[in-house]
Amino acid sequence: MSSGNDCQPQTFTKPALGEKEVTDLVDRVFGLKVSWIRPLPSYDDQNFHVRVSRNKGAAEGADEYVLKITNSEDSQEPDLIEAQTRAMMFLSAEGFPSATPYLTKDGNVMSLELGDMGPGNKKYMVRLLTYLPGTPVAKIATNAQLFYEIGKLAASVDKALSEKFHHPSVKSLHRGQFIWNLANVPLLDRYIYALGQNKYREVVEQVIEQFKGKVIPKLSSFRACINHGDLNDHNILVDSSPASLENPQYRVSGILDFSDMSYGYYVFEVAIAIMYMMIESPDPLSVGGHVLAGFESVLPLTEEERSALFLLVSGRFSQSLVIAAHTALQYPENKEYLMITAKTGWKHLMKMFEVGQEAVEKTWFETAKAYTNHAPA
C-alpha cells in the first residue's frame, strides 16, 4: 500500500509495463518462460500473476508466481526492499505462510530494471515471488473464529520479527516520516484538503487533534517492535475446512505485501488489524474484541496500550481514508481500487465516534475477556 520513505503518500511513480514487456523481463531476468499472465490490483506498484513453464510448455513443469514491480520511488531504497524480502524469507522458514523470492539469473533476490519508455526512463525494482494459494479475507463471509486467528497472526508475526529477525538491512525499517506508520497520523494535516469541507473532515480533524494530545505523549511507554503494518482484508489469504456450511473454520494460508513494514509498536499492529477487519463485518463494533483476544493470546497488552486502542483504530481509518482521497486525485484511473476501504470506512469511523470511546472499548474488552475462559483451540 505504501509509497516512499518520506511523508509523500504517492507521487507519479507507478509502473505501467505491458504484458509483452513483462514476459520478456521474466525471461531475461529470471530465465523463465511465461505461459500465462494476468495483472493483479495494486495501490502503487504493479503486480502480475504469472505461470511459467521450464520444460518448453510441459504442464508438469509449470509454476505460479507473482511478479512484483516496485514503484520508482521505493525502488530507490534497495535496503528497504531487501529488508522486506528477507523478512518474508525468514517468516517462511519460521513456518508462516509467506511468499519467498525466486532468484534472478545472477542469484539475487531482486533486480533493478529499466521500465517503460516514458519520461525519465525510470528504473523499477523487480522480484518474482512464489504464488500463495487461498482466498482474500475481503471475499469471504467472516466470523469470530477468523477474527481471533487474525489477531493471533498479527501478534505472532511481529513477535517473531522483533525477537529473531536479524539482517544488516533491518536498520532501513526506521522510517521516521513514513506516512503509513501509525505514529504519523498528525502528518495527515498536509493531505486533509482532499476531503473538501464536510462532516467527514470534521471527524478526521478531531482524530488528529486527540491523537496529538493523547497518543503521541504515550508512545515511549508502548513496547516497540517491527510491524508488518498492513494486515488488511486483501493481504491475508485463507482457506477453509467445511466444519459446517453455516460456520466454516478458517486457516490463514498467505500473508501478502510487506511494503509497509517499519519499526513501530505492538499495539499498532492489533489496531491496524481491527480496523481492516471491521471493514469486513456486518457488526463492525464487535470485531475489535475478537481480534484483541487472538492478539492477547500471544501478547497481552498493557493498560496504557489498551487505552490507546480506540484512537489508534480511528487513526488508521483516518490514514486510509485521507490518503486514498489524496491519491485518487492524482490517479483518477485507479480510483476504484484506491477507494475500496472508503466504501464502508467512513460509515464505521463515524459510527465509532457516534457511539463513543467508552462504549466501544467496553464492547471490545468484554468480548476479549470472555475468551479467557473459552479460548478457541
Protein backbone atom coordinates (compact mmCIF):
# COMPACT_ATOMS: atom_id res chain seq x y z
CA MET A 1 0.00 0.00 0.00
CA SER A 2 2.91 2.29 0.62
CA SER A 3 4.98 4.62 -1.40
CA GLY A 4 8.13 6.34 -0.36
CA ASN A 5 10.07 6.57 2.86
CA ASP A 6 9.03 10.15 3.48
CA CYS A 7 5.73 11.87 4.07
CA GLN A 8 4.65 11.91 0.42
CA PRO A 9 1.94 9.22 0.09
CA GLN A 10 2.34 8.73 -3.63
CA THR A 11 3.94 10.58 -6.49
CA PHE A 12 3.66 9.71 -10.17
CA THR A 13 5.88 6.66 -9.90
CA LYS A 14 3.59 3.70 -10.57
CA PRO A 15 5.00 1.32 -13.22
CA ALA A 16 2.96 0.74 -16.37
CA LEU A 17 4.60 -2.18 -18.16
CA GLY A 18 2.68 -4.10 -20.80
CA GLU A 19 2.27 -7.87 -20.82
CA LYS A 20 4.85 -8.36 -23.57
CA GLU A 21 7.42 -6.29 -21.65
CA VAL A 22 6.69 -8.33 -18.54
CA THR A 23 7.01 -11.62 -20.41
CA ASP A 24 10.37 -10.54 -21.83
CA LEU A 25 11.50 -9.30 -18.41
CA VAL A 26 10.75 -12.64 -16.70
CA ASP A 27 12.74 -14.44 -19.40
CA ARG A 28 15.66 -12.01 -19.32
CA VAL A 29 16.00 -11.57 -15.54
CA PHE A 30 14.86 -14.94 -14.19
CA GLY A 31 15.38 -17.26 -17.15
CA LEU A 32 11.78 -18.47 -17.11
CA LYS A 33 9.27 -18.74 -19.97
CA VAL A 34 5.85 -17.22 -19.26
CA SER A 35 2.94 -19.37 -20.40
CA TRP A 36 0.13 -17.30 -18.84
CA ILE A 37 -0.07 -13.82 -17.33
CA ARG A 38 -2.72 -11.77 -15.55
CA PRO A 39 -2.47 -8.29 -13.95
CA LEU A 40 -3.28 -8.03 -10.23
CA PRO A 41 -4.67 -4.93 -8.49
CA SER A 42 -2.15 -2.79 -6.62
CA TYR A 43 -2.03 0.51 -4.77
CA ASP A 44 1.12 1.95 -6.32
CA ASP A 45 3.28 -0.94 -7.51
CA GLN A 46 2.50 -3.18 -10.49
CA ASN A 47 1.81 -6.86 -9.85
CA PHE A 48 1.24 -9.78 -12.22
CA HIS A 49 0.17 -13.37 -11.59
CA VAL A 50 2.35 -15.39 -13.94
CA ARG A 51 2.54 -19.06 -14.76
CA VAL A 52 5.87 -20.22 -16.10
CA SER A 53 6.96 -23.43 -17.75
CA ARG A 54 10.52 -24.63 -17.51
CA ASN A 55 10.07 -27.57 -19.90
CA LYS A 56 9.02 -25.73 -23.02
CA GLY A 57 5.33 -25.75 -22.21
CA ALA A 58 5.15 -29.12 -20.49
CA ALA A 59 2.31 -28.97 -17.97
CA GLU A 60 4.28 -30.77 -15.29
CA GLY A 61 6.92 -28.03 -15.37
CA ALA A 62 4.51 -25.17 -14.69
CA ASP A 63 4.89 -22.98 -11.61
CA GLU A 64 2.98 -19.92 -10.47
CA TYR A 65 4.50 -16.69 -9.22
CA VAL A 66 3.67 -13.06 -8.54
CA LEU A 67 5.92 -10.65 -10.38
CA LYS A 68 6.18 -7.52 -8.23
CA ILE A 69 7.40 -4.35 -9.97
CA THR A 70 8.00 -1.77 -7.25
CA ASN A 71 7.17 1.88 -7.92
CA SER A 72 10.14 4.00 -8.98
CA GLU A 73 10.25 5.98 -5.72
CA ASP A 74 10.50 2.95 -3.42
CA SER A 75 12.86 1.34 -5.96
CA GLN A 76 15.44 3.94 -4.93
CA GLU A 77 15.57 2.29 -1.49
CA PRO A 78 17.15 -1.12 -2.16
CA ASP A 79 17.98 -1.70 1.52
CA LEU A 80 14.33 -1.30 2.43
CA ILE A 81 13.15 -3.74 -0.25
CA GLU A 82 15.92 -6.13 0.78
CA ALA A 83 14.71 -5.97 4.41
CA GLN A 84 11.11 -6.66 3.36
CA THR A 85 12.16 -9.60 1.19
CA ARG A 86 14.48 -11.09 3.81
CA ALA A 87 11.68 -10.76 6.38
CA MET A 88 9.38 -12.76 4.10
CA MET A 89 12.05 -15.45 3.71
CA PHE A 90 12.62 -15.50 7.48
CA LEU A 91 8.90 -15.86 8.23
CA SER A 92 8.54 -18.66 5.69
CA ALA A 93 11.43 -20.51 7.36
CA GLU A 94 9.67 -19.99 10.71
CA GLY A 95 6.55 -21.72 9.39
CA PHE A 96 4.42 -18.70 8.46
CA PRO A 97 2.62 -18.79 5.07
CA SER A 98 4.77 -16.11 3.47
CA ALA A 99 5.98 -15.89 -0.14
CA THR A 100 9.63 -16.39 -0.99
CA PRO A 101 11.60 -14.97 -3.93
CA TYR A 102 12.71 -16.91 -6.99
CA LEU A 103 16.31 -15.84 -7.50
CA THR A 104 17.46 -13.94 -10.57
CA LYS A 105 19.92 -15.49 -13.04
CA ASP A 106 22.63 -13.71 -11.03
CA GLY A 107 21.46 -15.34 -7.80
CA ASN A 108 19.91 -12.19 -6.27
CA VAL A 109 16.51 -11.73 -4.60
CA MET A 110 15.72 -8.68 -6.78
CA SER A 111 16.92 -6.74 -9.80
CA LEU A 112 16.76 -3.04 -10.74
CA GLU A 113 15.40 -2.82 -14.29
CA LEU A 114 14.71 -0.06 -16.76
CA GLY A 115 10.95 0.08 -17.13
CA ASP A 116 8.51 1.67 -19.56
CA MET A 117 9.98 4.08 -22.06
CA GLY A 118 8.14 7.05 -20.61
CA PRO A 119 9.66 10.34 -19.39
CA GLY A 120 12.82 9.91 -17.38
CA ASN A 121 13.41 6.24 -18.23
CA LYS A 122 12.51 5.23 -14.70
CA LYS A 123 14.01 2.18 -13.04
CA TYR A 124 11.96 -0.32 -11.05
CA MET A 125 12.97 -3.00 -8.58
CA VAL A 126 11.65 -6.36 -9.76
CA ARG A 127 11.02 -9.51 -7.72
CA LEU A 128 9.43 -12.84 -8.57
CA LEU A 129 7.63 -14.24 -5.52
CA THR A 130 6.01 -17.61 -5.00
CA TYR A 131 2.25 -17.51 -5.56
CA LEU A 132 0.31 -18.28 -2.38
CA PRO A 133 -3.00 -20.17 -2.59
CA GLY A 134 -6.14 -19.05 -0.82
CA THR A 135 -8.94 -16.50 -0.87
CA PRO A 136 -8.54 -12.91 0.40
CA VAL A 137 -10.49 -12.22 3.59
CA ALA A 138 -12.26 -9.46 1.62
CA LYS A 139 -14.02 -12.13 -0.46
CA ILE A 140 -15.43 -14.41 2.24
CA ALA A 141 -18.12 -14.27 4.90
CA THR A 142 -16.09 -13.62 8.04
CA ASN A 143 -16.76 -14.96 11.53
CA ALA A 144 -15.47 -14.57 15.08
CA GLN A 145 -13.09 -17.52 14.77
CA LEU A 146 -11.36 -15.91 11.79
CA PHE A 147 -11.03 -12.55 13.56
CA TYR A 148 -9.43 -14.36 16.51
CA GLU A 149 -6.99 -16.16 14.17
CA ILE A 150 -6.02 -12.87 12.51
CA GLY A 151 -5.36 -11.25 15.88
CA LYS A 152 -3.18 -14.20 16.82
CA LEU A 153 -1.37 -13.96 13.48
CA ALA A 154 -0.70 -10.23 13.94
CA ALA A 155 0.95 -10.79 17.31
CA SER A 156 2.89 -13.87 16.19
CA VAL A 157 4.33 -12.19 13.08
CA ASP A 158 5.51 -9.08 14.94
CA LYS A 159 6.89 -11.12 17.84
CA ALA A 160 8.90 -13.40 15.52
CA LEU A 161 10.26 -10.47 13.51
CA SER A 162 11.15 -8.43 16.58
CA GLU A 163 12.80 -11.23 18.56
CA LYS A 164 14.51 -13.34 15.88
CA PHE A 165 14.88 -11.47 12.57
CA HIS A 166 18.44 -10.20 12.15
CA HIS A 167 19.79 -8.86 8.87
CA PRO A 168 22.04 -5.86 8.08
CA SER A 169 19.21 -4.25 6.07
CA VAL A 170 16.86 -4.19 9.08
CA LYS A 171 18.04 -0.69 10.03
CA SER A 172 16.21 0.62 6.95
CA LEU A 173 12.93 -0.10 8.76
CA HIS A 174 13.46 3.03 10.86
CA ARG A 175 11.17 5.13 8.65
CA GLY A 176 10.61 8.28 10.69
CA GLN A 177 8.36 10.23 8.31
CA PHE A 178 6.69 7.24 6.65
CA ILE A 179 3.08 8.29 6.09
CA TRP A 180 1.63 4.82 6.83
CA ASN A 181 3.36 4.41 10.19
CA LEU A 182 0.60 4.81 12.75
CA ALA A 183 2.72 7.24 14.77
CA ASN A 184 2.41 9.68 11.87
CA VAL A 185 -1.33 10.35 11.98
CA PRO A 186 -0.52 14.05 12.64
CA LEU A 187 1.08 14.24 9.15
CA LEU A 188 -2.43 13.87 7.70
CA ASP A 189 -2.82 17.62 8.23
CA ARG A 190 -0.99 18.04 4.90
CA TYR A 191 -3.45 15.96 2.90
CA ILE A 192 -6.77 16.61 4.57
CA TYR A 193 -7.64 19.18 1.87
CA ALA A 194 -8.53 16.21 -0.35
CA LEU A 195 -11.67 15.60 1.72
CA GLY A 196 -13.16 19.00 0.94
CA GLN A 197 -15.33 20.67 3.60
CA ASN A 198 -17.79 18.24 5.19
CA LYS A 199 -18.68 16.22 8.30
CA TYR A 200 -16.03 13.61 7.43
CA ARG A 201 -13.27 16.18 7.54
CA GLU A 202 -14.50 17.41 10.92
CA VAL A 203 -14.20 13.92 12.41
CA VAL A 204 -10.71 13.38 10.96
CA GLU A 205 -9.59 16.75 12.36
CA GLN A 206 -10.92 15.60 15.73
CA VAL A 207 -8.99 12.33 15.44
CA ILE A 208 -5.75 14.15 14.58
CA GLU A 209 -6.07 16.57 17.50
CA GLN A 210 -6.91 13.84 20.01
CA PHE A 211 -4.09 11.72 18.63
CA LYS A 212 -1.60 14.55 19.17
CA GLY A 213 -2.78 15.07 22.74
CA LYS A 214 -3.45 11.51 23.94
CA VAL A 215 -1.39 9.07 21.86
CA ILE A 216 1.85 10.84 20.88
CA PRO A 217 2.83 11.57 24.52
CA LYS A 218 2.33 7.85 25.38
CA LEU A 219 4.43 6.36 22.57
CA SER A 220 7.52 5.98 24.74
CA SER A 221 5.55 3.74 27.13
CA PHE A 222 4.44 1.33 24.36
CA ARG A 223 6.51 -1.77 23.61
CA ALA A 224 8.49 -1.30 20.40
CA CYS A 225 8.69 -3.90 17.65
CA ILE A 226 8.83 -4.42 13.89
CA ASN A 227 5.36 -4.02 12.37
CA HIS A 228 4.12 -5.75 9.22
CA GLY A 229 1.96 -2.64 9.11
CA ASP A 230 -0.73 -3.66 6.63
CA LEU A 231 -2.57 -6.82 7.67
CA ASN A 232 -5.65 -5.80 5.76
CA ASP A 233 -8.52 -7.78 4.27
CA HIS A 234 -6.76 -8.06 0.88
CA ASN A 235 -3.34 -9.00 2.30
CA ILE A 236 -4.47 -12.05 4.30
CA LEU A 237 -5.38 -15.20 2.38
CA VAL A 238 -7.37 -18.03 3.97
CA ASP A 239 -8.66 -21.47 3.17
CA SER A 240 -11.48 -23.19 4.98
CA SER A 241 -12.32 -26.63 6.25
CA PRO A 242 -16.08 -27.14 5.96
CA ALA A 243 -16.78 -27.91 9.61
CA SER A 244 -20.27 -26.77 8.72
CA LEU A 245 -21.57 -24.74 5.82
CA GLU A 246 -23.04 -22.20 8.22
CA ASN A 247 -19.81 -21.70 10.20
CA PRO A 248 -16.66 -22.75 8.32
CA GLN A 249 -13.32 -22.93 10.15
CA TYR A 250 -10.72 -20.71 8.52
CA ARG A 251 -6.95 -21.10 8.41
CA VAL A 252 -4.58 -18.38 7.23
CA SER A 253 -2.86 -19.61 4.05
CA GLY A 254 -0.98 -16.50 2.99
CA ILE A 255 0.44 -13.19 4.26
CA LEU A 256 0.99 -10.66 1.49
CA ASP A 257 2.58 -7.24 0.94
CA PHE A 258 5.39 -6.34 3.31
CA SER A 259 5.94 -2.89 1.79
CA ASP A 260 4.57 -1.06 4.87
CA MET A 261 6.99 -2.73 7.29
CA SER A 262 8.59 -0.34 9.75
CA TYR A 263 9.65 -0.05 13.35
CA GLY A 264 6.63 0.74 15.48
CA TYR A 265 4.81 -0.78 18.44
CA TYR A 266 2.92 -4.00 19.10
CA VAL A 267 -0.29 -2.11 19.80
CA PHE A 268 -0.11 -0.56 16.30
CA GLU A 269 -0.45 -3.97 14.67
CA VAL A 270 -3.55 -5.00 16.59
CA ALA A 271 -5.16 -1.61 15.90
CA ILE A 272 -4.46 -1.93 12.17
CA ALA A 273 -5.87 -5.47 12.10
CA ILE A 274 -9.01 -4.39 13.99
CA MET A 275 -9.63 -1.51 11.61
CA TYR A 276 -9.41 -3.62 8.45
CA MET A 277 -11.44 -6.49 9.89
CA MET A 278 -14.19 -4.00 10.81
CA ILE A 279 -14.50 -3.31 7.08
CA GLU A 280 -15.41 -6.97 6.55
CA SER A 281 -18.07 -7.40 9.24
CA PRO A 282 -21.81 -6.73 9.32
CA ASP A 283 -21.34 -5.98 13.05
CA PRO A 284 -18.16 -3.87 12.94
CA LEU A 285 -18.08 -2.60 16.51
CA SER A 286 -17.90 -6.15 17.89
CA VAL A 287 -14.90 -7.15 15.76
CA GLY A 288 -12.25 -5.49 17.92
CA GLY A 289 -12.86 -7.83 20.84
CA HIS A 290 -12.29 -10.99 18.80
CA VAL A 291 -9.11 -9.64 17.14
CA LEU A 292 -7.84 -8.37 20.50
CA ALA A 293 -8.47 -11.75 22.15
CA GLY A 294 -6.43 -13.51 19.47
CA PHE A 295 -3.62 -10.97 19.76
CA GLU A 296 -3.54 -11.17 23.55
CA SER A 297 -3.41 -14.97 23.47
CA VAL A 298 0.15 -14.40 22.23
CA LEU A 299 1.00 -10.98 23.66
CA PRO A 300 -1.26 -9.35 26.28
CA LEU A 301 -1.39 -5.56 26.02
CA THR A 302 -0.54 -3.25 28.90
CA GLU A 303 -3.21 -0.93 30.31
CA GLU A 304 -1.59 2.05 28.57
CA GLU A 305 -1.58 0.24 25.23
CA ARG A 306 -5.21 -0.78 25.66
CA SER A 307 -6.26 2.77 26.50
CA ALA A 308 -4.86 3.99 23.16
CA LEU A 309 -6.64 1.38 21.01
CA PHE A 310 -9.73 3.45 20.17
CA LEU A 311 -7.69 6.38 18.87
CA LEU A 312 -5.21 4.10 17.09
CA VAL A 313 -8.03 2.35 15.22
CA SER A 314 -9.61 5.74 14.44
CA GLY A 315 -6.19 6.98 13.34
CA ARG A 316 -5.77 4.10 10.90
CA PHE A 317 -9.23 4.71 9.45
CA SER A 318 -8.22 8.36 9.00
CA GLN A 319 -4.92 7.46 7.33
CA SER A 320 -6.59 5.07 4.92
CA LEU A 321 -9.42 7.43 4.02
CA VAL A 322 -7.43 10.66 3.72
CA ILE A 323 -4.51 9.16 1.78
CA ALA A 324 -6.89 7.32 -0.57
CA ALA A 325 -8.75 10.57 -1.28
CA HIS A 326 -5.48 12.42 -1.87
CA THR A 327 -4.08 9.68 -4.13
CA ALA A 328 -7.32 9.33 -6.11
CA LEU A 329 -6.97 13.00 -7.09
CA GLN A 330 -3.55 12.15 -8.57
CA TYR A 331 -4.53 8.81 -10.11
CA PRO A 332 -8.19 9.02 -11.16
CA GLU A 333 -7.79 5.92 -13.35
CA ASN A 334 -7.01 3.85 -10.21
CA LYS A 335 -9.77 5.43 -8.15
CA GLU A 336 -11.91 2.30 -7.83
CA TYR A 337 -9.10 0.30 -6.21
CA LEU A 338 -7.87 3.21 -4.10
CA MET A 339 -11.32 3.84 -2.65
CA ILE A 340 -12.12 0.23 -1.66
CA THR A 341 -11.85 0.99 2.06
CA ALA A 342 -13.82 4.23 1.71
CA LYS A 343 -16.96 2.35 0.66
CA THR A 344 -17.64 1.32 4.26
CA GLY A 345 -14.75 3.01 6.08
CA TRP A 346 -16.42 6.37 6.56
CA LYS A 347 -19.55 4.72 7.91
CA HIS A 348 -17.53 2.77 10.50
CA LEU A 349 -15.41 5.73 11.62
CA MET A 350 -18.49 7.93 12.02
CA LYS A 351 -20.23 5.16 13.98
CA MET A 352 -17.25 4.80 16.34
CA PHE A 353 -17.42 8.49 17.19
CA GLU A 354 -21.20 8.46 17.46
CA VAL A 355 -21.13 5.56 19.96
CA GLY A 356 -18.10 6.99 21.75
CA GLN A 357 -14.80 5.67 23.06
CA GLU A 358 -16.08 4.40 26.39
CA ALA A 359 -18.88 2.26 24.92
CA VAL A 360 -16.72 0.91 22.07
CA GLU A 361 -13.92 -0.06 24.47
CA LYS A 362 -16.41 -1.71 26.80
CA THR A 363 -17.62 -3.92 23.92
CA TRP A 364 -14.07 -4.79 22.85
CA PHE A 365 -12.71 -5.54 26.30
CA GLU A 366 -15.73 -7.56 27.47
CA THR A 367 -15.61 -9.67 24.30
CA ALA A 368 -11.88 -10.26 24.73
CA LYS A 369 -12.34 -11.15 28.41
CA ALA A 370 -14.91 -13.82 27.51
CA TYR A 371 -12.18 -15.66 25.60
CA THR A 372 -10.01 -16.13 28.67
CA ASN A 373 -12.31 -18.92 29.83
CA HIS A 374 -13.34 -20.18 26.40
CA ALA A 375 -10.37 -19.63 24.08
CA PRO A 376 -10.59 -21.36 20.68
CA ALA A 377 -8.40 -24.41 20.22
